[in-house]
C-alpha atoms as a PDB file:
ATOM      1  CA  MET A   1     131.319 107.054 108.535  1.00  0.00           C
ATOM      2  CA  GLN A   2     127.797 108.018 109.534  1.00  0.00           C
ATOM      3  CA  SER A   3     125.187 105.402 108.805  1.00  0.00           C
ATOM      4  CA  ILE A   4     122.517 105.978 106.346  1.00  0.00           C
ATOM      5  CA  LYS A   5     119.141 106.271 108.252  1.00  0.00           C
ATOM      6  CA  VAL A   6     116.435 104.471 106.355  1.00  0.00           C
ATOM      7  CA  MET A   7     112.634 104.335 106.826  1.00  0.00           C
ATOM      8  CA  LEU A   8     110.745 101.419 105.258  1.00  0.00           C
ATOM      9  CA  VAL A   9     107.142 102.163 103.948  1.00  0.00           C
ATOM     10  CA  ASP A  10     105.134  99.145 102.824  1.00  0.00           C
ATOM     11  CA  ASP A  11     101.816  97.850 103.748  1.00  0.00           C
ATOM     12  CA  HIS A  12     103.034  94.209 103.909  1.00  0.00           C
ATOM     13  CA  ALA A  13     104.880  93.453 107.175  1.00  0.00           C
ATOM     14  CA  VAL A  14     106.712  90.530 105.767  1.00  0.00           C
ATOM     15  CA  VAL A  15     108.306  92.674 103.004  1.00  0.00           C
ATOM     16  CA  ARG A  16     109.392  95.231 105.768  1.00  0.00           C
ATOM     17  CA  ALA A  17     110.882  92.404 107.784  1.00  0.00           C
ATOM     18  CA  GLY A  18     112.730  91.142 104.791  1.00  0.00           C
ATOM     19  CA  TYR A  19     114.204  94.524 103.943  1.00  0.00           C
ATOM     20  CA  ARG A  20     115.040  95.104 107.620  1.00  0.00           C
ATOM     21  CA  PHE A  21     116.820  91.725 107.867  1.00  0.00           C
ATOM     22  CA  LEU A  22     118.748  92.559 104.609  1.00  0.00           C
ATOM     23  CA  LEU A  23     119.568  96.219 105.529  1.00  0.00           C
ATOM     24  CA  ASP A  24     120.561  95.529 109.184  1.00  0.00           C
ATOM     25  CA  ASN A  25     123.492  93.385 108.006  1.00  0.00           C
ATOM     26  CA  GLN A  26     124.946  96.489 106.242  1.00  0.00           C
ATOM     27  CA  ASP A  27     127.490  98.308 108.438  1.00  0.00           C
ATOM     28  CA  ASP A  28     126.612 101.753 106.786  1.00  0.00           C
ATOM     29  CA  ILE A  29     122.766 101.400 106.852  1.00  0.00           C
ATOM     30  CA  ASP A  30     120.469 101.806 109.847  1.00  0.00           C
ATOM     31  CA  VAL A  31     116.681 101.091 109.599  1.00  0.00           C
ATOM     32  CA  ILE A  32     115.163 103.690 112.105  1.00  0.00           C
ATOM     33  CA  GLY A  33     111.426 103.173 111.293  1.00  0.00           C
ATOM     34  CA  GLU A  34     108.652 101.679 109.326  1.00  0.00           C
ATOM     35  CA  ALA A  35     105.222 102.653 108.083  1.00  0.00           C
ATOM     36  CA  ALA A  36     102.331 100.819 106.441  1.00  0.00           C
ATOM     37  CA  SER A  37     100.683 103.640 104.619  1.00  0.00           C
ATOM     38  CA  GLY A  38     101.228 106.893 102.871  1.00  0.00           C
ATOM     39  CA  GLU A  39      99.797 108.886 105.797  1.00  0.00           C
ATOM     40  CA  ALA A  40     101.997 107.101 108.278  1.00  0.00           C
ATOM     41  CA  ALA A  41     105.018 107.826 106.117  1.00  0.00           C
ATOM     42  CA  VAL A  42     104.320 111.503 106.137  1.00  0.00           C
ATOM     43  CA  ALA A  43     103.831 111.562 109.939  1.00  0.00           C
ATOM     44  CA  GLY A  44     106.834 109.244 110.599  1.00  0.00           C
ATOM     45  CA  TYR A  45     109.145 111.276 108.454  1.00  0.00           C
ATOM     46  CA  ALA A  46     108.490 114.426 110.432  1.00  0.00           C
ATOM     47  CA  LYS A  47     109.515 112.608 113.638  1.00  0.00           C
ATOM     48  CA  LEU A  48     112.454 110.563 112.303  1.00  0.00           C
ATOM     49  CA  LEU A  49     113.911 112.573 109.457  1.00  0.00           C
ATOM     50  CA  PRO A  50     115.493 109.464 107.683  1.00  0.00           C
ATOM     51  CA  ASP A  51     118.041 110.060 104.978  1.00  0.00           C
ATOM     52  CA  VAL A  52     116.154 107.705 102.658  1.00  0.00           C
ATOM     53  CA  LEU A  53     112.593 106.457 102.429  1.00  0.00           C
ATOM     54  CA  VAL A  54     112.018 103.035 100.740  1.00  0.00           C
ATOM     55  CA  MET A  55     108.447 103.263  99.548  1.00  0.00           C
ATOM     56  CA  ASP A  56     106.037 101.141  97.750  1.00  0.00           C
ATOM     57  CA  LEU A  57     103.344 102.605  95.570  1.00  0.00           C
ATOM     58  CA  THR A  58     100.062 100.694  96.076  1.00  0.00           C
ATOM     59  CA  MET A  59      99.098 101.033  99.794  1.00  0.00           C
ATOM     60  CA  PRO A  60      95.986 101.615 101.725  1.00  0.00           C
ATOM     61  CA  GLY A  61      94.636 105.251 101.848  1.00  0.00           C
ATOM     62  CA  THR A  62      97.113 107.707 100.433  1.00  0.00           C
ATOM     63  CA  GLY A  63      99.051 105.884  97.848  1.00  0.00           C
ATOM     64  CA  GLY A  64     102.669 106.085  97.241  1.00  0.00           C
ATOM     65  CA  LEU A  65     102.729 108.686  94.454  1.00  0.00           C
ATOM     66  CA  GLU A  66     100.554 111.095  96.512  1.00  0.00           C
ATOM     67  CA  ALA A  67     102.758 110.520  99.566  1.00  0.00           C
ATOM     68  CA  ILE A  68     105.770 111.314  97.482  1.00  0.00           C
ATOM     69  CA  LYS A  69     104.257 114.645  96.383  1.00  0.00           C
ATOM     70  CA  VAL A  70     103.352 115.515  99.936  1.00  0.00           C
ATOM     71  CA  LEU A  71     106.664 114.664 101.288  1.00  0.00           C
ATOM     72  CA  ARG A  72     108.680 116.473  98.579  1.00  0.00           C
ATOM     73  CA  SER A  73     106.450 119.586  99.036  1.00  0.00           C
ATOM     74  CA  ASP A  74     106.664 119.710 102.872  1.00  0.00           C
ATOM     75  CA  TYR A  75     110.370 118.486 103.012  1.00  0.00           C
ATOM     76  CA  PRO A  76     112.059 119.275  99.805  1.00  0.00           C
ATOM     77  CA  GLN A  77     115.172 117.565 101.100  1.00  0.00           C
ATOM     78  CA  THR A  78     113.412 114.205 101.269  1.00  0.00           C
ATOM     79  CA  ARG A  79     115.201 111.312  99.370  1.00  0.00           C
ATOM     80  CA  ILE A  80     112.706 108.736  98.231  1.00  0.00           C
ATOM     81  CA  LEU A  81     113.455 105.366  96.686  1.00  0.00           C
ATOM     82  CA  VAL A  82     110.468 103.528  95.197  1.00  0.00           C
ATOM     83  CA  SER A  83     110.478  99.750  95.481  1.00  0.00           C
ATOM     84  CA  THR A  84     107.484  98.099  94.130  1.00  0.00           C
ATOM     85  CA  MET A  85     106.187  95.033  92.110  1.00  0.00           C
ATOM     86  CA  HIS A  86     105.077  97.270  89.287  1.00  0.00           C
ATOM     87  CA  ASP A  87     107.498  97.742  86.243  1.00  0.00           C
ATOM     88  CA  SER A  88     105.379  99.982  84.223  1.00  0.00           C
ATOM     89  CA  THR A  89     107.345 102.778  82.657  1.00  0.00           C
ATOM     90  CA  THR A  90     104.213 104.994  83.139  1.00  0.00           C
ATOM     91  CA  LEU A  91     104.480 104.522  86.866  1.00  0.00           C
ATOM     92  CA  VAL A  92     108.310 105.140  86.829  1.00  0.00           C
ATOM     93  CA  GLU A  93     107.779 108.433  85.119  1.00  0.00           C
ATOM     94  CA  ARG A  94     105.012 109.414  87.399  1.00  0.00           C
ATOM     95  CA  ALA A  95     107.053 108.543  90.493  1.00  0.00           C
ATOM     96  CA  LEU A  96     110.027 110.514  89.231  1.00  0.00           C
ATOM     97  CA  LEU A  97     107.823 113.431  88.333  1.00  0.00           C
ATOM     98  CA  ALA A  98     106.238 113.318  91.864  1.00  0.00           C
ATOM     99  CA  GLY A  99     109.750 113.646  93.274  1.00  0.00           C
ATOM    100  CA  ALA A 100     111.182 110.113  93.778  1.00  0.00           C
ATOM    101  CA  CYS A 101     114.874 109.868  93.422  1.00  0.00           C
ATOM    102  CA  GLY A 102     115.034 106.212  92.476  1.00  0.00           C
ATOM    103  CA  TYR A 103     112.887 103.331  91.381  1.00  0.00           C
ATOM    104  CA  ILE A 104     113.531  99.529  91.620  1.00  0.00           C
ATOM    105  CA  CYS A 105     111.422  96.435  91.377  1.00  0.00           C
ATOM    106  CA  LYS A 106     110.865  94.103  94.230  1.00  0.00           C
ATOM    107  CA  ASN A 107     112.061  91.124  92.168  1.00  0.00           C
ATOM    108  CA  SER A 108     115.480  92.725  91.778  1.00  0.00           C
ATOM    109  CA  GLN A 109     118.529  91.166  93.325  1.00  0.00           C
ATOM    110  CA  PRO A 110     119.008  92.151  96.921  1.00  0.00           C
ATOM    111  CA  ASP A 111     122.263  94.030  96.348  1.00  0.00           C
ATOM    112  CA  THR A 112     120.302  96.209  93.975  1.00  0.00           C
ATOM    113  CA  LEU A 113     118.333  97.626  96.942  1.00  0.00           C
ATOM    114  CA  ILE A 114     121.527  98.227  98.882  1.00  0.00           C
ATOM    115  CA  LYS A 115     123.225  99.870  95.923  1.00  0.00           C
ATOM    116  CA  ALA A 116     120.106 102.063  95.240  1.00  0.00           C
ATOM    117  CA  ILE A 117     119.887 103.285  98.828  1.00  0.00           C
ATOM    118  CA  ARG A 118     123.481 104.203  98.925  1.00  0.00           C
ATOM    119  CA  LYS A 119     123.245 106.124  95.586  1.00  0.00           C
ATOM    120  CA  VAL A 120     120.010 108.092  96.633  1.00  0.00           C
ATOM    121  CA  ALA A 121     121.539 108.769  99.931  1.00  0.00           C
ATOM    122  CA  ASN A 122     124.513 110.260  98.197  1.00  0.00           C
ATOM    123  CA  GLY A 123     122.405 112.670  96.331  1.00  0.00           C
ATOM    124  CA  GLU A 124     122.250 110.649  93.121  1.00  0.00           C
ATOM    125  CA  ASN A 125     119.343 109.109  91.255  1.00  0.00           C
ATOM    126  CA  TYR A 126     118.927 105.379  90.723  1.00  0.00           C
ATOM    127  CA  ILE A 127     116.724 103.508  88.210  1.00  0.00           C
ATOM    128  CA  ASP A 128     116.805  99.810  87.782  1.00  0.00           C
ATOM    129  CA  ALA A 129     118.818  99.225  84.552  1.00  0.00           C
ATOM    130  CA  GLU A 130     116.019  97.258  82.734  1.00  0.00           C
ATOM    131  CA  LEU A 131     113.461  99.770  83.627  1.00  0.00           C
ATOM    132  CA  ALA A 132     115.850 102.638  82.476  1.00  0.00           C
ATOM    133  CA  GLN A 133     116.262 100.756  79.122  1.00  0.00           C
ATOM    134  CA  ASN A 134     112.433 100.345  78.657  1.00  0.00           C
ATOM    135  CA  MET A 135     111.898 104.034  79.253  1.00  0.00           C
ATOM    136  CA  ILE A 136     114.496 104.997  76.622  1.00  0.00           C
ATOM    137  CA  VAL A 137     112.756 102.614  74.165  1.00  0.00           C
ATOM    138  CA  GLN A 138     109.409 104.133  74.891  1.00  0.00           C
ATOM    139  CA  GLN A 139     110.292 107.797  75.077  1.00  0.00           C
ATOM    140  CA  HIS A 140     109.162 108.389  71.497  1.00  0.00           C
ATOM    141  CA  ASP A 141     105.799 106.924  72.209  1.00  0.00           C
ATOM    142  CA  ARG A 142     103.651 109.433  74.000  1.00  0.00           C
ATOM    143  CA  THR A 143     100.407 108.107  72.884  1.00  0.00           C
ATOM    144  CA  SER A 144     100.280 105.280  75.435  1.00  0.00           C
ATOM    145  CA  PRO A 145      96.718 104.775  76.656  1.00  0.00           C
ATOM    146  CA  LEU A 146      97.827 104.764  80.199  1.00  0.00           C
ATOM    147  CA  GLY A 147      98.777 108.379  79.939  1.00  0.00           C
ATOM    148  CA  THR A 148      95.041 109.329  79.791  1.00  0.00           C
ATOM    149  CA  LEU A 149      94.374 107.957  83.230  1.00  0.00           C
ATOM    150  CA  SER A 150      94.365 110.177  86.339  1.00  0.00           C
ATOM    151  CA  GLN A 151      96.636 109.263  89.380  1.00  0.00           C
ATOM    152  CA  ARG A 152      93.695 107.795  91.155  1.00  0.00           C
ATOM    153  CA  GLU A 153      92.576 105.864  88.212  1.00  0.00           C
ATOM    154  CA  LEU A 154      95.965 104.430  87.779  1.00  0.00           C
ATOM    155  CA  GLN A 155      96.125 103.446  91.571  1.00  0.00           C
ATOM    156  CA  ILE A 156      92.687 101.694  91.409  1.00  0.00           C
ATOM    157  CA  LEU A 157      93.784  99.925  88.133  1.00  0.00           C
ATOM    158  CA  CYS A 158      96.874  98.598  89.911  1.00  0.00           C
ATOM    159  CA  LEU A 159      94.915  97.352  92.791  1.00  0.00           C
ATOM    160  CA  PHE A 160      92.288  95.592  90.592  1.00  0.00           C
ATOM    161  CA  ALA A 161      94.869  93.989  88.472  1.00  0.00           C
ATOM    162  CA  GLU A 162      96.482  92.730  91.634  1.00  0.00           C
ATOM    163  CA  GLY A 163      93.233  90.714  92.201  1.00  0.00           C
ATOM    164  CA  ARG A 164      91.654  92.888  94.808  1.00  0.00           C
ATOM    165  CA  ALA A 165      87.894  92.683  94.995  1.00  0.00           C
ATOM    166  CA  ILE A 166      85.881  96.014  94.436  1.00  0.00           C
ATOM    167  CA  ASP A 167      84.721  96.006  98.126  1.00  0.00           C
ATOM    168  CA  ALA A 168      88.266  95.571  99.310  1.00  0.00           C
ATOM    169  CA  ILE A 169      89.573  98.481  97.133  1.00  0.00           C
ATOM    170  CA  ALA A 170      86.799 100.725  98.394  1.00  0.00           C
ATOM    171  CA  GLU A 171      87.795  99.897 102.064  1.00  0.00           C
ATOM    172  CA  GLU A 172      91.384 100.392 101.367  1.00  0.00           C
ATOM    173  CA  LEU A 173      90.933 103.736  99.689  1.00  0.00           C
ATOM    174  CA  SER A 174      87.962 104.912 102.033  1.00  0.00           C
ATOM    175  CA  LEU A 175      85.626 105.126  99.094  1.00  0.00           C
ATOM    176  CA  SER A 176      82.373 103.485  98.360  1.00  0.00           C
ATOM    177  CA  SER A 177      82.127 100.273  96.360  1.00  0.00           C
ATOM    178  CA  LYS A 178      79.918 102.137  93.814  1.00  0.00           C
ATOM    179  CA  THR A 179      82.618 104.857  93.377  1.00  0.00           C
ATOM    180  CA  ILE A 180      85.255 102.153  92.734  1.00  0.00           C
ATOM    181  CA  SER A 181      82.823 100.505  90.171  1.00  0.00           C
ATOM    182  CA  ASN A 182      82.410 103.857  88.520  1.00  0.00           C
ATOM    183  CA  TYR A 183      86.118 104.402  88.251  1.00  0.00           C
ATOM    184  CA  LEU A 184      86.583 100.964  86.716  1.00  0.00           C
ATOM    185  CA  THR A 185      83.885 101.729  84.179  1.00  0.00           C
ATOM    186  CA  LEU A 186      85.602 105.042  83.273  1.00  0.00           C
ATOM    187  CA  ILE A 187      89.021 103.368  83.110  1.00  0.00           C
ATOM    188  CA  LYS A 188      87.640 100.813  80.643  1.00  0.00           C
ATOM    189  CA  ASP A 189      86.109 103.564  78.598  1.00  0.00           C
ATOM    190  CA  LYS A 190      89.326 105.488  78.556  1.00  0.00           C
ATOM    191  CA  LEU A 191      91.422 102.352  77.457  1.00  0.00           C
ATOM    192  CA  HIS A 192      88.722 101.103  75.067  1.00  0.00           C
ATOM    193  CA  ILE A 193      88.360  97.863  76.957  1.00  0.00           C
ATOM    194  CA  GLY A 194      85.168  95.965  77.297  1.00  0.00           C
ATOM    195  CA  THR A 195      85.405  93.592  80.064  1.00  0.00           C
ATOM    196  CA  SER A 196      87.150  93.320  83.562  1.00  0.00           C
ATOM    197  CA  ALA A 197      89.124  90.238  82.384  1.00  0.00           C
ATOM    198  CA  GLU A 198      90.472  92.152  79.308  1.00  0.00           C
ATOM    199  CA  LEU A 199      91.384  95.034  81.731  1.00  0.00           C
ATOM    200  CA  VAL A 200      93.383  92.641  83.952  1.00  0.00           C
ATOM    201  CA  ARG A 201      95.138  91.226  81.036  1.00  0.00           C
ATOM    202  CA  PHE A 202      95.918  94.700  79.694  1.00  0.00           C
ATOM    203  CA  ALA A 203      97.307  95.742  83.131  1.00  0.00           C
ATOM    204  CA  LEU A 204      99.480  92.643  83.214  1.00  0.00           C
ATOM    205  CA  SER A 205     100.796  93.247  79.703  1.00  0.00           C
ATOM    206  CA  LYS A 206     101.781  96.775  80.833  1.00  0.00           C
ATOM    207  CA  GLY A 207     103.648  95.729  84.042  1.00  0.00           C
ATOM    208  CA  LEU A 208     101.014  97.222  86.368  1.00  0.00           C
ATOM    209  CA  ALA A 209     100.780  93.848  88.135  1.00  0.00           C
ATOM    210  CA  THR A 210     102.315  90.364  88.159  1.00  0.00           C
ATOM    211  CA  LEU A 211     100.759  86.918  88.291  1.00  0.00           C
END
């Protein structure tokens, strides 16, 4: 049986190393490449043509959501499995709308990643069971304040909630610190939140970051 060719996309080298160690022990999975950003993922895909991309969402430059859209537009056959620390149902929905075929959390059991890769490579969709249940529960609630945020605003909120400083976010996204500050002010206004501390607590409560 032909092996499933996998490309790992995550800005943390230690995460990629852990995934590679796990997957290289599977007879039917072959890790053929890695990338640390959305731009590198797009460029690498064109050269390697993997069967499945395992992709994080919050990365420098082009984030995961935008990279998914570009890849699915340029290469409709692309099969993308999101693996991220964020368990927000809003992000799950946006990732699937962008063209992802699966979504799991990094705190899932190791065999979940393996199972998800096999499902996605086989043409099926895969969503972590707990996330799928949460999505069903919240299907009726279309008034979530997170729905008012743009893709860029959601990306910045995730980074900020992870504890990144404004200057660090600006450098990561190739924007000015003033622009990031303006974004954060707009996000607070949209969410009716007064302070940065309250904003972080809100993000944590919605699964956009973990302590």
